[in-house]
Amino acid sequence: EAYNQTLSEQRAGAVSGYLTAQGIAYDRITRK
């Protein structure tokens, strides 16, 4: 469970980080 939780957070972070890098406003995005 601990490993999967970390992996899911890392993947959500990677995706949200890419969106902001492509011009999506940071304050529009939350990640979980």
PDB file of all heavy atoms in Angstrom:
ATOM      1  N   GLU A   1       0.831  -1.207   0.000  1.00  0.00           N
ATOM      2  CA  GLU A   1       0.000   0.000   0.000  1.00  0.00           C
ATOM      3  C   GLU A   1       0.864   1.255   0.000  1.00  0.00           C
ATOM      4  O   GLU A   1       0.557   2.232  -0.693  1.00  0.00           O
ATOM      5  CB  GLU A   1      -0.932  -0.002   1.210  1.00  0.00           C
ATOM      6  CG  GLU A   1      -2.059  -1.002   1.127  1.00  0.00           C
ATOM      7  CD  GLU A   1      -3.045  -0.850   2.265  1.00  0.00           C
ATOM      8  OE1 GLU A   1      -3.060   0.228   2.902  1.00  0.00           O
ATOM      9  OE2 GLU A   1      -3.803  -1.795   2.523  1.00  0.00           O
ATOM     10  N   ALA A   2       1.920   1.243   0.798  1.00  0.00           N
ATOM     11  CA  ALA A   2       2.792   2.419   0.894  1.00  0.00           C
ATOM     12  C   ALA A   2       3.466   2.716  -0.445  1.00  0.00           C
ATOM     13  O   ALA A   2       3.543   3.875  -0.875  1.00  0.00           O
ATOM     14  CB  ALA A   2       3.843   2.203   1.985  1.00  0.00           C
ATOM     15  N   TYR A   3       3.936   1.666  -1.111  1.00  0.00           N
ATOM     16  CA  TYR A   3       4.595   1.860  -2.401  1.00  0.00           C
ATOM     17  C   TYR A   3       3.612   2.402  -3.430  1.00  0.00           C
ATOM     18  O   TYR A   3       3.920   3.338  -4.186  1.00  0.00           O
ATOM     19  CB  TYR A   3       5.184   0.541  -2.899  1.00  0.00           C
ATOM     20  CG  TYR A   3       5.891   0.671  -4.227  1.00  0.00           C
ATOM     21  CD1 TYR A   3       7.212   1.099  -4.284  1.00  0.00           C
ATOM     22  CD2 TYR A   3       5.232   0.399  -5.424  1.00  0.00           C
ATOM     23  CE1 TYR A   3       7.866   1.239  -5.500  1.00  0.00           C
ATOM     24  CE2 TYR A   3       5.875   0.540  -6.642  1.00  0.00           C
ATOM     25  CZ  TYR A   3       7.188   0.956  -6.676  1.00  0.00           C
ATOM     26  OH  TYR A   3       7.827   1.119  -7.882  1.00  0.00           O
ATOM     27  N   ASN A   4       2.418   1.817  -3.476  1.00  0.00           N
ATOM     28  CA  ASN A   4       1.417   2.253  -4.436  1.00  0.00           C
ATOM     29  C   ASN A   4       0.965   3.685  -4.172  1.00  0.00           C
ATOM     30  O   ASN A   4       0.713   4.451  -5.110  1.00  0.00           O
ATOM     31  CB  ASN A   4       0.214   1.308  -4.413  1.00  0.00           C
ATOM     32  CG  ASN A   4       0.532  -0.033  -5.049  1.00  0.00           C
ATOM     33  OD1 ASN A   4       1.403  -0.129  -5.904  1.00  0.00           O
ATOM     34  ND2 ASN A   4      -0.171  -1.078  -4.618  1.00  0.00           N
ATOM     35  N   GLN A   5       0.865   4.061  -2.906  1.00  0.00           N
ATOM     36  CA  GLN A   5       0.495   5.432  -2.578  1.00  0.00           C
ATOM     37  C   GLN A   5       1.531   6.415  -3.113  1.00  0.00           C
ATOM     38  O   GLN A   5       1.189   7.424  -3.736  1.00  0.00           O
ATOM     39  CB  GLN A   5       0.349   5.586  -1.066  1.00  0.00           C
ATOM     40  CG  GLN A   5      -0.017   6.987  -0.601  1.00  0.00           C
ATOM     41  CD  GLN A   5      -1.367   7.451  -1.110  1.00  0.00           C
ATOM     42  OE1 GLN A   5      -2.295   6.650  -1.235  1.00  0.00           O
ATOM     43  NE2 GLN A   5      -1.499   8.724  -1.417  1.00  0.00           N
ATOM     44  N   THR A   6       2.784   6.103  -2.878  1.00  0.00           N
ATOM     45  CA  THR A   6       3.859   6.978  -3.357  1.00  0.00           C
ATOM     46  C   THR A   6       3.869   7.059  -4.875  1.00  0.00           C
ATOM     47  O   THR A   6       4.012   8.150  -5.454  1.00  0.00           O
ATOM     48  CB  THR A   6       5.222   6.470  -2.854  1.00  0.00           C
ATOM     49  OG1 THR A   6       5.236   6.490  -1.422  1.00  0.00           O
ATOM     50  CG2 THR A   6       6.360   7.346  -3.372  1.00  0.00           C
ATOM     51  N   LEU A   7       3.704   5.911  -5.546  1.00  0.00           N
ATOM     52  CA  LEU A   7       3.707   5.898  -7.012  1.00  0.00           C
ATOM     53  C   LEU A   7       2.557   6.730  -7.562  1.00  0.00           C
ATOM     54  O   LEU A   7       2.736   7.493  -8.523  1.00  0.00           O
ATOM     55  CB  LEU A   7       3.605   4.459  -7.520  1.00  0.00           C
ATOM     56  CG  LEU A   7       3.612   4.280  -9.038  1.00  0.00           C
ATOM     57  CD1 LEU A   7       4.912   4.807  -9.641  1.00  0.00           C
ATOM     58  CD2 LEU A   7       3.411   2.803  -9.400  1.00  0.00           C
ATOM     59  N   SER A   8       1.382   6.619  -6.958  1.00  0.00           N
ATOM     60  CA  SER A   8       0.229   7.389  -7.445  1.00  0.00           C
ATOM     61  C   SER A   8       0.460   8.886  -7.266  1.00  0.00           C
ATOM     62  O   SER A   8       0.081   9.690  -8.135  1.00  0.00           O
ATOM     63  CB  SER A   8      -1.051   6.954  -6.725  1.00  0.00           C
ATOM     64  OG  SER A   8      -1.052   7.343  -5.362  1.00  0.00           O
ATOM     65  N   GLU A   9       1.072   9.265  -6.165  1.00  0.00           N
ATOM     66  CA  GLU A   9       1.368  10.677  -5.935  1.00  0.00           C
ATOM     67  C   GLU A   9       2.404  11.189  -6.933  1.00  0.00           C
ATOM     68  O   GLU A   9       2.288  12.317  -7.444  1.00  0.00           O
ATOM     69  CB  GLU A   9       1.864  10.881  -4.505  1.00  0.00           C
ATOM     70  CG  GLU A   9       0.802  10.642  -3.443  1.00  0.00           C
ATOM     71  CD  GLU A   9       1.365  10.649  -2.039  1.00  0.00           C
ATOM     72  OE1 GLU A   9       2.598  10.801  -1.882  1.00  0.00           O
ATOM     73  OE2 GLU A   9       0.571  10.481  -1.081  1.00  0.00           O
ATOM     74  N   GLN A  10       3.411  10.368  -7.209  1.00  0.00           N
ATOM     75  CA  GLN A  10       4.455  10.768  -8.161  1.00  0.00           C
ATOM     76  C   GLN A  10       3.873  10.933  -9.565  1.00  0.00           C
ATOM     77  O   GLN A  10       4.231  11.871 -10.294  1.00  0.00           O
ATOM     78  CB  GLN A  10       5.572   9.726  -8.171  1.00  0.00           C
ATOM     79  CG  GLN A  10       6.401   9.710  -6.901  1.00  0.00           C
ATOM     80  CD  GLN A  10       7.393   8.552  -6.866  1.00  0.00           C
ATOM     81  OE1 GLN A  10       7.221   7.542  -7.568  1.00  0.00           O
ATOM     82  NE2 GLN A  10       8.417   8.670  -6.051  1.00  0.00           N
ATOM     83  N   ARG A  11       2.965  10.047  -9.942  1.00  0.00           N
ATOM     84  CA  ARG A  11       2.366  10.138 -11.267  1.00  0.00           C
ATOM     85  C   ARG A  11       1.448  11.354 -11.385  1.00  0.00           C
ATOM     86  O   ARG A  11       1.469  12.059 -12.397  1.00  0.00           O
ATOM     87  CB  ARG A  11       1.606   8.846 -11.579  1.00  0.00           C
ATOM     88  CG  ARG A  11       2.541   7.689 -11.879  1.00  0.00           C
ATOM     89  CD  ARG A  11       1.816   6.406 -12.186  1.00  0.00           C
ATOM     90  NE  ARG A  11       2.730   5.422 -12.791  1.00  0.00           N
ATOM     91  CZ  ARG A  11       2.395   4.201 -13.150  1.00  0.00           C
ATOM     92  NH1 ARG A  11       1.141   3.787 -12.979  1.00  0.00           N
ATOM     93  NH2 ARG A  11       3.277   3.391 -13.694  1.00  0.00           N
ATOM     94  N   ALA A  12       0.656  11.604 -10.348  1.00  0.00           N
ATOM     95  CA  ALA A  12      -0.189  12.799 -10.362  1.00  0.00           C
ATOM     96  C   ALA A  12       0.677  14.059 -10.418  1.00  0.00           C
ATOM     97  O   ALA A  12       0.344  15.026 -11.117  1.00  0.00           O
ATOM     98  CB  ALA A  12      -1.085  12.823  -9.128  1.00  0.00           C
ATOM     99  N   GLY A  13       1.787  14.031  -9.694  1.00  0.00           N
ATOM    100  CA  GLY A  13       2.701  15.173  -9.718  1.00  0.00           C
ATOM    101  C   GLY A  13       3.357  15.376 -11.069  1.00  0.00           C
ATOM    102  O   GLY A  13       3.504  16.521 -11.530  1.00  0.00           O
ATOM    103  N   ALA A  14       3.743  14.285 -11.721  1.00  0.00           N
ATOM    104  CA  ALA A  14       4.374  14.384 -13.043  1.00  0.00           C
ATOM    105  C   ALA A  14       3.411  14.979 -14.058  1.00  0.00           C
ATOM    106  O   ALA A  14       3.782  15.837 -14.869  1.00  0.00           O
ATOM    107  CB  ALA A  14       4.851  13.014 -13.500  1.00  0.00           C
ATOM    108  N   VAL A  15       2.168  14.534 -14.014  1.00  0.00           N
ATOM    109  CA  VAL A  15       1.171  15.033 -14.960  1.00  0.00           C
ATOM    110  C   VAL A  15       0.845  16.495 -14.695  1.00  0.00           C
ATOM    111  O   VAL A  15       0.821  17.319 -15.618  1.00  0.00           O
ATOM    112  CB  VAL A  15      -0.111  14.168 -14.900  1.00  0.00           C
ATOM    113  CG1 VAL A  15      -1.227  14.818 -15.712  1.00  0.00           C
ATOM    114  CG2 VAL A  15       0.168  12.769 -15.408  1.00  0.00           C
ATOM    115  N   SER A  16       0.586  16.847 -13.441  1.00  0.00           N
ATOM    116  CA  SER A  16       0.240  18.234 -13.127  1.00  0.00           C
ATOM    117  C   SER A  16       1.409  19.167 -13.416  1.00  0.00           C
ATOM    118  O   SER A  16       1.212  20.288 -13.900  1.00  0.00           O
ATOM    119  CB  SER A  16      -0.200  18.366 -11.662  1.00  0.00           C
ATOM    120  OG  SER A  16       0.833  17.968 -10.776  1.00  0.00           O
ATOM    121  N   GLY A  17       2.637  18.702 -13.148  1.00  0.00           N
ATOM    122  CA  GLY A  17       3.810  19.508 -13.470  1.00  0.00           C
ATOM    123  C   GLY A  17       3.939  19.767 -14.955  1.00  0.00           C
ATOM    124  O   GLY A  17       4.301  20.868 -15.382  1.00  0.00           O
ATOM    125  N   TYR A  18       3.618  18.746 -15.765  1.00  0.00           N
ATOM    126  CA  TYR A  18       3.688  18.924 -17.211  1.00  0.00           C
ATOM    127  C   TYR A  18       2.632  19.907 -17.694  1.00  0.00           C
ATOM    128  O   TYR A  18       2.906  20.745 -18.571  1.00  0.00           O
ATOM    129  CB  TYR A  18       3.517  17.583 -17.926  1.00  0.00           C
ATOM    130  CG  TYR A  18       3.765  17.673 -19.406  1.00  0.00           C
ATOM    131  CD1 TYR A  18       5.057  17.696 -19.907  1.00  0.00           C
ATOM    132  CD2 TYR A  18       2.703  17.773 -20.305  1.00  0.00           C
ATOM    133  CE1 TYR A  18       5.295  17.808 -21.273  1.00  0.00           C
ATOM    134  CE2 TYR A  18       2.929  17.887 -21.662  1.00  0.00           C
ATOM    135  CZ  TYR A  18       4.222  17.903 -22.148  1.00  0.00           C
ATOM    136  OH  TYR A  18       4.465  18.038 -23.494  1.00  0.00           O
ATOM    137  N   LEU A  19       1.436  19.836 -17.117  1.00  0.00           N
ATOM    138  CA  LEU A  19       0.382  20.766 -17.517  1.00  0.00           C
ATOM    139  C   LEU A  19       0.793  22.212 -17.256  1.00  0.00           C
ATOM    140  O   LEU A  19       0.590  23.089 -18.106  1.00  0.00           O
ATOM    141  CB  LEU A  19      -0.916  20.458 -16.762  1.00  0.00           C
ATOM    142  CG  LEU A  19      -1.604  19.120 -17.043  1.00  0.00           C
ATOM    143  CD1 LEU A  19      -2.921  19.031 -16.273  1.00  0.00           C
ATOM    144  CD2 LEU A  19      -1.846  18.914 -18.525  1.00  0.00           C
ATOM    145  N   THR A  20       1.355  22.470 -16.092  1.00  0.00           N
ATOM    146  CA  THR A  20       1.771  23.843 -15.787  1.00  0.00           C
ATOM    147  C   THR A  20       2.924  24.279 -16.692  1.00  0.00           C
ATOM    148  O   THR A  20       2.990  25.445 -17.093  1.00  0.00           O
ATOM    149  CB  THR A  20       2.175  23.989 -14.308  1.00  0.00           C
ATOM    150  OG1 THR A  20       3.210  23.046 -13.991  1.00  0.00           O
ATOM    151  CG2 THR A  20       0.988  23.753 -13.393  1.00  0.00           C
ATOM    152  N   ALA A  21       3.820  23.350 -17.020  1.00  0.00           N
ATOM    153  CA  ALA A  21       4.926  23.683 -17.921  1.00  0.00           C
ATOM    154  C   ALA A  21       4.429  24.041 -19.314  1.00  0.00           C
ATOM    155  O   ALA A  21       5.091  24.790 -20.053  1.00  0.00           O
ATOM    156  CB  ALA A  21       5.904  22.511 -18.007  1.00  0.00           C
ATOM    157  N   GLN A  22       3.249  23.535 -19.672  1.00  0.00           N
ATOM    158  CA  GLN A  22       2.678  23.828 -20.986  1.00  0.00           C
ATOM    159  C   GLN A  22       1.713  25.006 -20.959  1.00  0.00           C
ATOM    160  O   GLN A  22       0.998  25.257 -21.936  1.00  0.00           O
ATOM    161  CB  GLN A  22       1.956  22.595 -21.528  1.00  0.00           C
ATOM    162  CG  GLN A  22       2.840  21.362 -21.651  1.00  0.00           C
ATOM    163  CD  GLN A  22       4.142  21.649 -22.377  1.00  0.00           C
ATOM    164  OE1 GLN A  22       4.134  22.135 -23.506  1.00  0.00           O
ATOM    165  NE2 GLN A  22       5.265  21.352 -21.730  1.00  0.00           N
ATOM    166  N   GLY A  23       1.681  25.725 -19.840  1.00  0.00           N
ATOM    167  CA  GLY A  23       0.926  26.968 -19.814  1.00  0.00           C
ATOM    168  C   GLY A  23      -0.374  26.960 -19.042  1.00  0.00           C
ATOM    169  O   GLY A  23      -1.056  27.988 -18.973  1.00  0.00           O
ATOM    170  N   ILE A  24      -0.752  25.819 -18.449  1.00  0.00           N
ATOM    171  CA  ILE A  24      -1.951  25.796 -17.617  1.00  0.00           C
ATOM    172  C   ILE A  24      -1.625  26.492 -16.292  1.00  0.00           C
ATOM    173  O   ILE A  24      -0.634  26.156 -15.644  1.00  0.00           O
ATOM    174  CB  ILE A  24      -2.424  24.351 -17.345  1.00  0.00           C
ATOM    175  CG1 ILE A  24      -2.722  23.622 -18.659  1.00  0.00           C
ATOM    176  CG2 ILE A  24      -3.662  24.357 -16.449  1.00  0.00           C
ATOM    177  CD1 ILE A  24      -3.840  24.206 -19.467  1.00  0.00           C
ATOM    178  N   ALA A  25      -2.443  27.443 -15.900  1.00  0.00           N
ATOM    179  CA  ALA A  25      -2.171  28.215 -14.688  1.00  0.00           C
ATOM    180  C   ALA A  25      -2.061  27.293 -13.474  1.00  0.00           C
ATOM    181  O   ALA A  25      -2.887  26.393 -13.273  1.00  0.00           O
ATOM    182  CB  ALA A  25      -3.279  29.249 -14.468  1.00  0.00           C
ATOM    183  N   TYR A  26      -1.050  27.542 -12.656  1.00  0.00           N
ATOM    184  CA  TYR A  26      -0.773  26.702 -11.492  1.00  0.00           C
ATOM    185  C   TYR A  26      -1.957  26.648 -10.542  1.00  0.00           C
ATOM    186  O   TYR A  26      -2.262  25.591  -9.975  1.00  0.00           O
ATOM    187  CB  TYR A  26       0.468  27.239 -10.770  1.00  0.00           C
ATOM    188  CG  TYR A  26       0.867  26.453  -9.548  1.00  0.00           C
ATOM    189  CD1 TYR A  26       1.629  25.296  -9.674  1.00  0.00           C
ATOM    190  CD2 TYR A  26       0.481  26.864  -8.269  1.00  0.00           C
ATOM    191  CE1 TYR A  26       2.011  24.557  -8.562  1.00  0.00           C
ATOM    192  CE2 TYR A  26       0.847  26.134  -7.152  1.00  0.00           C
ATOM    193  CZ  TYR A  26       1.609  24.986  -7.299  1.00  0.00           C
ATOM    194  OH  TYR A  26       1.976  24.256  -6.194  1.00  0.00           O
ATOM    195  N   ASP A  27      -2.646  27.788 -10.376  1.00  0.00           N
ATOM    196  CA  ASP A  27      -3.731  27.828  -9.392  1.00  0.00           C
ATOM    197  C   ASP A  27      -5.003  27.128  -9.870  1.00  0.00           C
ATOM    198  O   ASP A  27      -5.971  27.007  -9.117  1.00  0.00           O
ATOM    199  CB  ASP A  27      -4.053  29.269  -8.970  1.00  0.00           C
ATOM    200  CG  ASP A  27      -4.477  30.152 -10.135  1.00  0.00           C
ATOM    201  OD1 ASP A  27      -4.584  29.652 -11.278  1.00  0.00           O
ATOM    202  OD2 ASP A  27      -4.702  31.353  -9.904  1.00  0.00           O
ATOM    203  N   ARG A  28      -5.012  26.645 -11.094  1.00  0.00           N
ATOM    204  CA  ARG A  28      -6.155  25.858 -11.581  1.00  0.00           C
ATOM    205  C   ARG A  28      -6.042  24.394 -11.182  1.00  0.00           C
ATOM    206  O   ARG A  28      -7.029  23.667 -11.236  1.00  0.00           O
ATOM    207  CB  ARG A  28      -6.243  25.928 -13.115  1.00  0.00           C
ATOM    208  CG  ARG A  28      -6.617  27.275 -13.699  1.00  0.00           C
ATOM    209  CD  ARG A  28      -6.664  27.210 -15.218  1.00  0.00           C
ATOM    210  NE  ARG A  28      -7.684  26.263 -15.699  1.00  0.00           N
ATOM    211  CZ  ARG A  28      -7.793  25.889 -16.974  1.00  0.00           C
ATOM    212  NH1 ARG A  28      -6.927  26.347 -17.883  1.00  0.00           N
ATOM    213  NH2 ARG A  28      -8.752  25.051 -17.331  1.00  0.00           N
ATOM    214  N   ILE A  29      -4.856  23.954 -10.809  1.00  0.00           N
ATOM    215  CA  ILE A  29      -4.583  22.527 -10.675  1.00  0.00           C
ATOM    216  C   ILE A  29      -4.383  22.118  -9.219  1.00  0.00           C
ATOM    217  O   ILE A  29      -3.670  22.775  -8.467  1.00  0.00           O
ATOM    218  CB  ILE A  29      -3.330  22.140 -11.484  1.00  0.00           C
ATOM    219  CG1 ILE A  29      -3.506  22.513 -12.961  1.00  0.00           C
ATOM    220  CG2 ILE A  29      -3.032  20.655 -11.341  1.00  0.00           C
ATOM    221  CD1 ILE A  29      -2.254  22.293 -13.790  1.00  0.00           C
ATOM    222  N   THR A  30      -5.024  21.024  -8.839  1.00  0.00           N
ATOM    223  CA  THR A  30      -4.693  20.328  -7.603  1.00  0.00           C
ATOM    224  C   THR A  30      -4.339  18.897  -7.968  1.00  0.00           C
ATOM    225  O   THR A  30      -4.751  18.389  -9.024  1.00  0.00           O
ATOM    226  CB  THR A  30      -5.870  20.315  -6.606  1.00  0.00           C
ATOM    227  OG1 THR A  30      -7.012  19.716  -7.228  1.00  0.00           O
ATOM    228  CG2 THR A  30      -6.224  21.721  -6.162  1.00  0.00           C
ATOM    229  N   ARG A  31      -3.564  18.248  -7.129  1.00  0.00           N
ATOM    230  CA  ARG A  31      -3.164  16.872  -7.441  1.00  0.00           C
ATOM    231  C   ARG A  31      -3.310  16.000  -6.196  1.00  0.00           C
ATOM    232  O   ARG A  31      -3.057  16.443  -5.079  1.00  0.00           O
ATOM    233  CB  ARG A  31      -1.730  16.838  -7.951  1.00  0.00           C
ATOM    234  CG  ARG A  31      -0.700  17.337  -6.960  1.00  0.00           C
ATOM    235  CD  ARG A  31       0.642  17.489  -7.621  1.00  0.00           C
ATOM    236  NE  ARG A  31       1.687  17.814  -6.661  1.00  0.00           N
ATOM    237  CZ  ARG A  31       2.912  18.212  -6.986  1.00  0.00           C
ATOM    238  NH1 ARG A  31       3.234  18.332  -8.265  1.00  0.00           N
ATOM    239  NH2 ARG A  31       3.797  18.478  -6.063  1.00  0.00           N
ATOM    240  N   LYS A  32      -3.724  14.772  -6.434  1.00  0.00           N
ATOM    241  CA  LYS A  32      -3.927  13.831  -5.340  1.00  0.00           C
ATOM    242  C   LYS A  32      -3.536  12.432  -5.793  1.00  0.00           C
ATOM    243  O   LYS A  32      -3.758  12.052  -6.939  1.00  0.00           O
ATOM    244  CB  LYS A  32      -5.394  13.822  -4.889  1.00  0.00           C
ATOM    245  CG  LYS A  32      -5.866  15.119  -4.262  1.00  0.00           C
ATOM    246  CD  LYS A  32      -7.316  15.022  -3.817  1.00  0.00           C
ATOM    247  CE  LYS A  32      -7.801  16.318  -3.188  1.00  0.00           C
ATOM    248  NZ  LYS A  32      -9.240  16.229  -2.779  1.00  0.00           N
TER     249      LYS A  32
END
